[in-house]
């Protein structure tokens, strides 16, 4: 993986949304040359995918925490990250 990919993976969900907001604002200005806009768009896609992966993992964890067994008791098991 490239350093850029590692940096995107290291962003917290909140940092990802902040970066995506900044990217959208830059793209909406319409002042960037085509190649720069494409690079920024590509970065945004990577950041969005990382944020989605974090959301998916959080959803899975919540589902595990809220799960109940056949007797109505909470199902618990160690969380695997």
PDB file of N, CA and C in Angstrom:
ATOM      1  N   UNK A   1       0.827  -1.187   0.000  1.00  0.00           N
ATOM      2  CA  UNK A   1       0.000   0.000   0.000  1.00  0.00           C
ATOM      3  C   UNK A   1       0.864   1.240   0.000  1.00  0.00           C
ATOM      4  N   UNK A   2       0.337   2.299  -0.560  1.00  0.00           N
ATOM      5  CA  UNK A   2       1.084   3.536  -0.598  1.00  0.00           C
ATOM      6  C   UNK A   2       0.933   4.286   0.707  1.00  0.00           C
ATOM      7  N   UNK A   3       1.786   5.292   0.907  1.00  0.00           N
ATOM      8  CA  UNK A   3       1.692   6.121   2.101  1.00  0.00           C
ATOM      9  C   UNK A   3       0.358   6.837   2.159  1.00  0.00           C
ATOM     10  N   UNK A   4      -0.163   7.289   0.997  1.00  0.00           N
ATOM     11  CA  UNK A   4      -1.455   7.971   0.966  1.00  0.00           C
ATOM     12  C   UNK A   4      -2.558   7.072   1.494  1.00  0.00           C
ATOM     13  N   UNK A   5      -2.546   5.807   1.096  1.00  0.00           N
ATOM     14  CA  UNK A   5      -3.561   4.868   1.548  1.00  0.00           C
ATOM     15  C   UNK A   5      -3.449   4.666   3.050  1.00  0.00           C
ATOM     16  N   UNK A   6      -2.231   4.532   3.566  1.00  0.00           N
ATOM     17  CA  UNK A   6      -2.041   4.360   4.993  1.00  0.00           C
ATOM     18  C   UNK A   6      -2.542   5.574   5.760  1.00  0.00           C
ATOM     19  N   UNK A   7      -2.313   6.765   5.238  1.00  0.00           N
ATOM     20  CA  UNK A   7      -2.793   7.981   5.890  1.00  0.00           C
ATOM     21  C   UNK A   7      -4.319   7.999   5.930  1.00  0.00           C
ATOM     22  N   UNK A   8      -4.988   7.609   4.851  1.00  0.00           N
ATOM     23  CA  UNK A   8      -6.448   7.584   4.808  1.00  0.00           C
ATOM     24  C   UNK A   8      -6.986   6.564   5.801  1.00  0.00           C
ATOM     25  N   UNK A   9      -6.317   5.406   5.902  1.00  0.00           N
ATOM     26  CA  UNK A   9      -6.751   4.379   6.832  1.00  0.00           C
ATOM     27  C   UNK A   9      -6.588   4.845   8.272  1.00  0.00           C
ATOM     28  N   UNK A  10      -5.626   5.713   8.536  1.00  0.00           N
ATOM     29  CA  UNK A  10      -5.348   6.175   9.892  1.00  0.00           C
ATOM     30  C   UNK A  10      -6.312   7.270  10.340  1.00  0.00           C
ATOM     31  N   UNK A  11      -7.046   7.884   9.433  1.00  0.00           N
ATOM     32  CA  UNK A  11      -7.959   8.956   9.803  1.00  0.00           C
ATOM     33  C   UNK A  11      -9.111   8.417  10.639  1.00  0.00           C
ATOM     34  N   UNK A  12      -9.441   9.140  11.689  1.00  0.00           N
ATOM     35  CA  UNK A  12     -10.635   8.789  12.457  1.00  0.00           C
ATOM     36  C   UNK A  12     -11.858   9.106  11.604  1.00  0.00           C
ATOM     37  N   UNK A  13     -13.011   8.622  12.033  1.00  0.00           N
ATOM     38  CA  UNK A  13     -14.232   8.915  11.293  1.00  0.00           C
ATOM     39  C   UNK A  13     -14.465  10.420  11.234  1.00  0.00           C
ATOM     40  N   UNK A  14     -14.269  11.090  12.358  1.00  0.00           N
ATOM     41  CA  UNK A  14     -14.484  12.536  12.417  1.00  0.00           C
ATOM     42  C   UNK A  14     -13.502  13.279  11.525  1.00  0.00           C
ATOM     43  N   UNK A  15     -12.248  12.857  11.526  1.00  0.00           N
ATOM     44  CA  UNK A  15     -11.253  13.487  10.650  1.00  0.00           C
ATOM     45  C   UNK A  15     -11.591  13.231   9.184  1.00  0.00           C
ATOM     46  N   UNK A  16     -12.131  12.055   8.906  1.00  0.00           N
ATOM     47  CA  UNK A  16     -12.536  11.736   7.534  1.00  0.00           C
ATOM     48  C   UNK A  16     -13.645  12.661   7.060  1.00  0.00           C
ATOM     49  N   UNK A  17     -14.650  12.876   7.916  1.00  0.00           N
ATOM     50  CA  UNK A  17     -15.744  13.748   7.501  1.00  0.00           C
ATOM     51  C   UNK A  17     -15.267  15.183   7.335  1.00  0.00           C
ATOM     52  N   UNK A  18     -14.340  15.616   8.191  1.00  0.00           N
ATOM     53  CA  UNK A  18     -13.767  16.962   8.035  1.00  0.00           C
ATOM     54  C   UNK A  18     -13.018  17.080   6.709  1.00  0.00           C
ATOM     55  N   UNK A  19     -12.225  16.058   6.382  1.00  0.00           N
ATOM     56  CA  UNK A  19     -11.455  16.092   5.131  1.00  0.00           C
ATOM     57  C   UNK A  19     -12.393  16.041   3.932  1.00  0.00           C
ATOM     58  N   UNK A  20     -13.432  15.225   3.994  1.00  0.00           N
ATOM     59  CA  UNK A  20     -14.389  15.154   2.889  1.00  0.00           C
ATOM     60  C   UNK A  20     -15.090  16.496   2.682  1.00  0.00           C
ATOM     61  N   UNK A  21     -15.427  17.165   3.762  1.00  0.00           N
ATOM     62  CA  UNK A  21     -16.051  18.480   3.663  1.00  0.00           C
ATOM     63  C   UNK A  21     -15.122  19.456   2.948  1.00  0.00           C
ATOM     64  N   UNK A  22     -13.847  19.427   3.322  1.00  0.00           N
ATOM     65  CA  UNK A  22     -12.871  20.319   2.687  1.00  0.00           C
ATOM     66  C   UNK A  22     -12.721  19.999   1.200  1.00  0.00           C
ATOM     67  N   UNK A  23     -12.698  18.730   0.869  1.00  0.00           N
ATOM     68  CA  UNK A  23     -12.566  18.317  -0.536  1.00  0.00           C
ATOM     69  C   UNK A  23     -13.764  18.800  -1.343  1.00  0.00           C
ATOM     70  N   UNK A  24     -14.957  18.585  -0.820  1.00  0.00           N
ATOM     71  CA  UNK A  24     -16.176  19.009  -1.526  1.00  0.00           C
ATOM     72  C   UNK A  24     -16.160  20.519  -1.744  1.00  0.00           C
ATOM     73  N   UNK A  25     -15.787  21.259  -0.720  1.00  0.00           N
ATOM     74  CA  UNK A  25     -15.746  22.724  -0.851  1.00  0.00           C
ATOM     75  C   UNK A  25     -14.779  23.149  -1.950  1.00  0.00           C
ATOM     76  N   UNK A  26     -13.599  22.509  -1.998  1.00  0.00           N
ATOM     77  CA  UNK A  26     -12.625  22.851  -3.040  1.00  0.00           C
ATOM     78  C   UNK A  26     -13.161  22.519  -4.421  1.00  0.00           C
ATOM     79  N   UNK A  27     -13.770  21.359  -4.555  1.00  0.00           N
ATOM     80  CA  UNK A  27     -14.292  20.951  -5.858  1.00  0.00           C
ATOM     81  C   UNK A  27     -15.451  21.839  -6.295  1.00  0.00           C
ATOM     82  N   UNK A  28     -16.286  22.237  -5.343  1.00  0.00           N
ATOM     83  CA  UNK A  28     -17.430  23.079  -5.689  1.00  0.00           C
ATOM     84  C   UNK A  28     -17.018  24.473  -6.148  1.00  0.00           C
ATOM     85  N   UNK A  29     -15.856  24.935  -5.706  1.00  0.00           N
ATOM     86  CA  UNK A  29     -15.377  26.251  -6.145  1.00  0.00           C
ATOM     87  C   UNK A  29     -15.158  26.277  -7.655  1.00  0.00           C
ATOM     88  N   UNK A  30     -14.796  25.140  -8.222  1.00  0.00           N
ATOM     89  CA  UNK A  30     -14.619  25.039  -9.659  1.00  0.00           C
ATOM     90  C   UNK A  30     -13.392  25.740 -10.206  1.00  0.00           C
ATOM     91  N   UNK A  31     -12.439  26.047  -9.360  1.00  0.00           N
ATOM     92  CA  UNK A  31     -11.252  26.781  -9.784  1.00  0.00           C
ATOM     93  C   UNK A  31     -10.049  25.892 -10.077  1.00  0.00           C
ATOM     94  N   UNK A  32     -10.153  24.614  -9.798  1.00  0.00           N
ATOM     95  CA  UNK A  32      -9.018  23.714  -9.968  1.00  0.00           C
ATOM     96  C   UNK A  32      -8.874  23.261 -11.415  1.00  0.00           C
ATOM     97  N   UNK A  33      -7.624  23.092 -11.854  1.00  0.00           N
ATOM     98  CA  UNK A  33      -7.425  22.464 -13.167  1.00  0.00           C
ATOM     99  C   UNK A  33      -7.952  21.021 -13.118  1.00  0.00           C
ATOM    100  N   UNK A  34      -8.284  20.490 -14.264  1.00  0.00           N
ATOM    101  CA  UNK A  34      -8.890  19.165 -14.345  1.00  0.00           C
ATOM    102  C   UNK A  34      -8.083  18.102 -13.607  1.00  0.00           C
ATOM    103  N   UNK A  35      -6.786  18.033 -13.840  1.00  0.00           N
ATOM    104  CA  UNK A  35      -5.964  16.986 -13.204  1.00  0.00           C
ATOM    105  C   UNK A  35      -5.965  17.119 -11.689  1.00  0.00           C
ATOM    106  N   UNK A  36      -5.886  18.344 -11.185  1.00  0.00           N
ATOM    107  CA  UNK A  36      -5.912  18.554  -9.735  1.00  0.00           C
ATOM    108  C   UNK A  36      -7.271  18.163  -9.161  1.00  0.00           C
ATOM    109  N   UNK A  37      -8.333  18.483  -9.874  1.00  0.00           N
ATOM    110  CA  UNK A  37      -9.675  18.117  -9.429  1.00  0.00           C
ATOM    111  C   UNK A  37      -9.833  16.598  -9.405  1.00  0.00           C
ATOM    112  N   UNK A  38      -9.295  15.921 -10.398  1.00  0.00           N
ATOM    113  CA  UNK A  38      -9.373  14.460 -10.426  1.00  0.00           C
ATOM    114  C   UNK A  38      -8.595  13.834  -9.279  1.00  0.00           C
ATOM    115  N   UNK A  39      -7.412  14.368  -8.979  1.00  0.00           N
ATOM    116  CA  UNK A  39      -6.630  13.857  -7.851  1.00  0.00           C
ATOM    117  C   UNK A  39      -7.380  14.062  -6.540  1.00  0.00           C
ATOM    118  N   UNK A  40      -7.989  15.222  -6.386  1.00  0.00           N
ATOM    119  CA  UNK A  40      -8.749  15.525  -5.182  1.00  0.00           C
ATOM    120  C   UNK A  40      -9.976  14.619  -5.076  1.00  0.00           C
ATOM    121  N   UNK A  41     -10.658  14.407  -6.197  1.00  0.00           N
ATOM    122  CA  UNK A  41     -11.807  13.508  -6.223  1.00  0.00           C
ATOM    123  C   UNK A  41     -11.390  12.092  -5.836  1.00  0.00           C
ATOM    124  N   UNK A  42     -10.262  11.637  -6.376  1.00  0.00           N
ATOM    125  CA  UNK A  42      -9.750  10.310  -6.059  1.00  0.00           C
ATOM    126  C   UNK A  42      -9.436  10.197  -4.567  1.00  0.00           C
ATOM    127  N   UNK A  43      -8.825  11.232  -4.005  1.00  0.00           N
ATOM    128  CA  UNK A  43      -8.562  11.236  -2.569  1.00  0.00           C
ATOM    129  C   UNK A  43      -9.874  11.133  -1.790  1.00  0.00           C
ATOM    130  N   UNK A  44     -10.861  11.897  -2.214  1.00  0.00           N
ATOM    131  CA  UNK A  44     -12.153  11.873  -1.546  1.00  0.00           C
ATOM    132  C   UNK A  44     -12.791  10.499  -1.561  1.00  0.00           C
ATOM    133  N   UNK A  45     -12.682   9.805  -2.676  1.00  0.00           N
ATOM    134  CA  UNK A  45     -13.230   8.441  -2.766  1.00  0.00           C
ATOM    135  C   UNK A  45     -12.539   7.537  -1.754  1.00  0.00           C
ATOM    136  N   UNK A  46     -11.226   7.645  -1.659  1.00  0.00           N
ATOM    137  CA  UNK A  46     -10.477   6.830  -0.689  1.00  0.00           C
ATOM    138  C   UNK A  46     -10.868   7.143   0.750  1.00  0.00           C
ATOM    139  N   UNK A  47     -10.996   8.422   1.060  1.00  0.00           N
ATOM    140  CA  UNK A  47     -11.387   8.834   2.407  1.00  0.00           C
ATOM    141  C   UNK A  47     -12.805   8.336   2.708  1.00  0.00           C
ATOM    142  N   UNK A  48     -13.701   8.470   1.747  1.00  0.00           N
ATOM    143  CA  UNK A  48     -15.084   8.018   1.938  1.00  0.00           C
ATOM    144  C   UNK A  48     -15.136   6.509   2.169  1.00  0.00           C
ATOM    145  N   UNK A  49     -14.338   5.757   1.458  1.00  0.00           N
ATOM    146  CA  UNK A  49     -14.321   4.302   1.645  1.00  0.00           C
ATOM    147  C   UNK A  49     -13.811   3.940   3.037  1.00  0.00           C
ATOM    148  N   UNK A  50     -12.786   4.650   3.499  1.00  0.00           N
ATOM    149  CA  UNK A  50     -12.283   4.406   4.852  1.00  0.00           C
ATOM    150  C   UNK A  50     -13.332   4.723   5.907  1.00  0.00           C
ATOM    151  N   UNK A  51     -14.038   5.832   5.723  1.00  0.00           N
ATOM    152  CA  UNK A  51     -15.095   6.216   6.657  1.00  0.00           C
ATOM    153  C   UNK A  51     -16.216   5.179   6.639  1.00  0.00           C
ATOM    154  N   UNK A  52     -16.584   4.692   5.461  1.00  0.00           N
ATOM    155  CA  UNK A  52     -17.637   3.680   5.359  1.00  0.00           C
ATOM    156  C   UNK A  52     -17.222   2.393   6.062  1.00  0.00           C
ATOM    157  N   UNK A  53     -15.955   2.018   5.936  1.00  0.00           N
ATOM    158  CA  UNK A  53     -15.467   0.813   6.616  1.00  0.00           C
ATOM    159  C   UNK A  53     -15.587   0.972   8.125  1.00  0.00           C
ATOM    160  N   UNK A  54     -15.275   2.171   8.634  1.00  0.00           N
ATOM    161  CA  UNK A  54     -15.420   2.421  10.066  1.00  0.00           C
ATOM    162  C   UNK A  54     -16.891   2.345  10.493  1.00  0.00           C
ATOM    163  N   UNK A  55     -17.781   2.902   9.684  1.00  0.00           N
ATOM    164  CA  UNK A  55     -19.215   2.815   9.987  1.00  0.00           C
ATOM    165  C   UNK A  55     -19.694   1.367   9.988  1.00  0.00           C
ATOM    166  N   UNK A  56     -19.247   0.595   9.012  1.00  0.00           N
ATOM    167  CA  UNK A  56     -19.638  -0.813   8.932  1.00  0.00           C
ATOM    168  C   UNK A  56     -19.173  -1.576  10.165  1.00  0.00           C
ATOM    169  N   UNK A  57     -17.935  -1.316  10.609  1.00  0.00           N
ATOM    170  CA  UNK A  57     -17.402  -1.991  11.789  1.00  0.00           C
ATOM    171  C   UNK A  57     -18.180  -1.583  13.040  1.00  0.00           C
ATOM    172  N   UNK A  58     -18.529  -0.309  13.137  1.00  0.00           N
ATOM    173  CA  UNK A  58     -19.309   0.162  14.287  1.00  0.00           C
ATOM    174  C   UNK A  58     -20.688  -0.480  14.297  1.00  0.00           C
ATOM    175  N   UNK A  59     -21.322  -0.579  13.135  1.00  0.00           N
ATOM    176  CA  UNK A  59     -22.640  -1.207  13.043  1.00  0.00           C
ATOM    177  C   UNK A  59     -22.577  -2.667  13.477  1.00  0.00           C
ATOM    178  N   UNK A  60     -21.539  -3.367  13.039  1.00  0.00           N
ATOM    179  CA  UNK A  60     -21.374  -4.764  13.413  1.00  0.00           C
ATOM    180  C   UNK A  60     -21.209  -4.894  14.925  1.00  0.00           C
ATOM    181  N   UNK A  61     -20.431  -4.005  15.499  1.00  0.00           N
ATOM    182  CA  UNK A  61     -20.215  -4.054  16.949  1.00  0.00           C
ATOM    183  C   UNK A  61     -21.521  -3.798  17.698  1.00  0.00           C
ATOM    184  N   UNK A  62     -22.296  -2.807  17.261  1.00  0.00           N
ATOM    185  CA  UNK A  62     -23.580  -2.514  17.906  1.00  0.00           C
ATOM    186  C   UNK A  62     -24.506  -3.715  17.798  1.00  0.00           C
ATOM    187  N   UNK A  63     -24.551  -4.343  16.634  1.00  0.00           N
ATOM    188  CA  UNK A  63     -25.397  -5.527  16.457  1.00  0.00           C
ATOM    189  C   UNK A  63     -24.984  -6.638  17.409  1.00  0.00           C
ATOM    190  N   UNK A  64     -23.664  -6.798  17.593  1.00  0.00           N
ATOM    191  CA  UNK A  64     -23.186  -7.823  18.517  1.00  0.00           C
ATOM    192  C   UNK A  64     -23.560  -7.470  19.953  1.00  0.00           C
ATOM    193  N   UNK A  65     -23.467  -6.203  20.303  1.00  0.00           N
ATOM    194  CA  UNK A  65     -23.776  -5.787  21.670  1.00  0.00           C
ATOM    195  C   UNK A  65     -25.268  -5.889  21.979  1.00  0.00           C
ATOM    196  N   UNK A  66     -26.109  -5.688  20.977  1.00  0.00           N
ATOM    197  CA  UNK A  66     -27.556  -5.734  21.184  1.00  0.00           C
ATOM    198  C   UNK A  66     -28.155  -7.111  20.958  1.00  0.00           C
ATOM    199  N   UNK A  67     -27.346  -8.054  20.551  1.00  0.00           N
ATOM    200  CA  UNK A  67     -27.856  -9.391  20.242  1.00  0.00           C
ATOM    201  C   UNK A  67     -28.332 -10.127  21.480  1.00  0.00           C
ATOM    202  N   UNK A  68     -29.358 -10.954  21.306  1.00  0.00           N
ATOM    203  CA  UNK A  68     -29.879 -11.800  22.384  1.00  0.00           C
ATOM    204  C   UNK A  68     -29.973 -13.232  21.886  1.00  0.00           C
ATOM    205  N   UNK A  69     -29.871 -14.158  22.828  1.00  0.00           N
ATOM    206  CA  UNK A  69     -29.981 -15.569  22.462  1.00  0.00           C
ATOM    207  C   UNK A  69     -31.431 -16.026  22.530  1.00  0.00           C
ATOM    208  N   UNK A  70     -31.665 -17.320  22.361  1.00  0.00           N
ATOM    209  CA  UNK A  70     -33.025 -17.876  22.342  1.00  0.00           C
ATOM    210  C   UNK A  70     -33.754 -17.693  23.677  1.00  0.00           C
ATOM    211  N   UNK A  71     -33.009 -17.532  24.758  1.00  0.00           N
ATOM    212  CA  UNK A  71     -33.620 -17.344  26.080  1.00  0.00           C
ATOM    213  C   UNK A  71     -33.835 -15.869  26.403  1.00  0.00           C
ATOM    214  N   UNK A  72     -33.497 -14.991  25.456  1.00  0.00           N
ATOM    215  CA  UNK A  72     -33.665 -13.563  25.683  1.00  0.00           C
ATOM    216  C   UNK A  72     -32.519 -12.915  26.445  1.00  0.00           C
ATOM    217  N   UNK A  73     -31.444 -13.661  26.652  1.00  0.00           N
ATOM    218  CA  UNK A  73     -30.288 -13.126  27.368  1.00  0.00           C
ATOM    219  C   UNK A  73     -29.294 -12.556  26.361  1.00  0.00           C
ATOM    220  N   UNK A  74     -28.587 -11.558  26.807  1.00  0.00           N
ATOM    221  CA  UNK A  74     -27.610 -10.909  25.927  1.00  0.00           C
ATOM    222  C   UNK A  74     -26.533 -11.896  25.509  1.00  0.00           C
ATOM    223  N   UNK A  75     -26.253 -11.889  24.222  1.00  0.00           N
ATOM    224  CA  UNK A  75     -25.151 -12.678  23.692  1.00  0.00           C
ATOM    225  C   UNK A  75     -23.888 -11.848  23.841  1.00  0.00           C
ATOM    226  N   UNK A  76     -22.877 -12.425  24.394  1.00  0.00           N
ATOM    227  CA  UNK A  76     -21.607 -11.703  24.506  1.00  0.00           C
ATOM    228  C   UNK A  76     -20.485 -12.613  24.033  1.00  0.00           C
ATOM    229  N   UNK A  77     -19.492 -11.991  23.502  1.00  0.00           N
ATOM    230  CA  UNK A  77     -18.266 -12.674  23.113  1.00  0.00           C
ATOM    231  C   UNK A  77     -17.218 -11.592  22.938  1.00  0.00           C
ATOM    232  N   UNK A  78     -15.968 -11.945  23.025  1.00  0.00           N
ATOM    233  CA  UNK A  78     -14.934 -10.919  22.845  1.00  0.00           C
ATOM    234  C   UNK A  78     -15.036 -10.260  21.486  1.00  0.00           C
ATOM    235  N   UNK A  79     -14.846  -8.959  21.454  1.00  0.00           N
ATOM    236  CA  UNK A  79     -14.889  -8.209  20.193  1.00  0.00           C
ATOM    237  C   UNK A  79     -13.586  -8.419  19.450  1.00  0.00           C
ATOM    238  N   UNK A  80     -13.715  -8.739  18.167  1.00  0.00           N
ATOM    239  CA  UNK A  80     -12.545  -8.930  17.321  1.00  0.00           C
ATOM    240  C   UNK A  80     -12.386  -7.711  16.443  1.00  0.00           C
ATOM    241  N   UNK A  81     -11.262  -7.047  16.571  1.00  0.00           N
ATOM    242  CA  UNK A  81     -11.046  -5.853  15.735  1.00  0.00           C
ATOM    243  C   UNK A  81     -10.277  -6.190  14.499  1.00  0.00           C
TER     244      UNK A  81
END
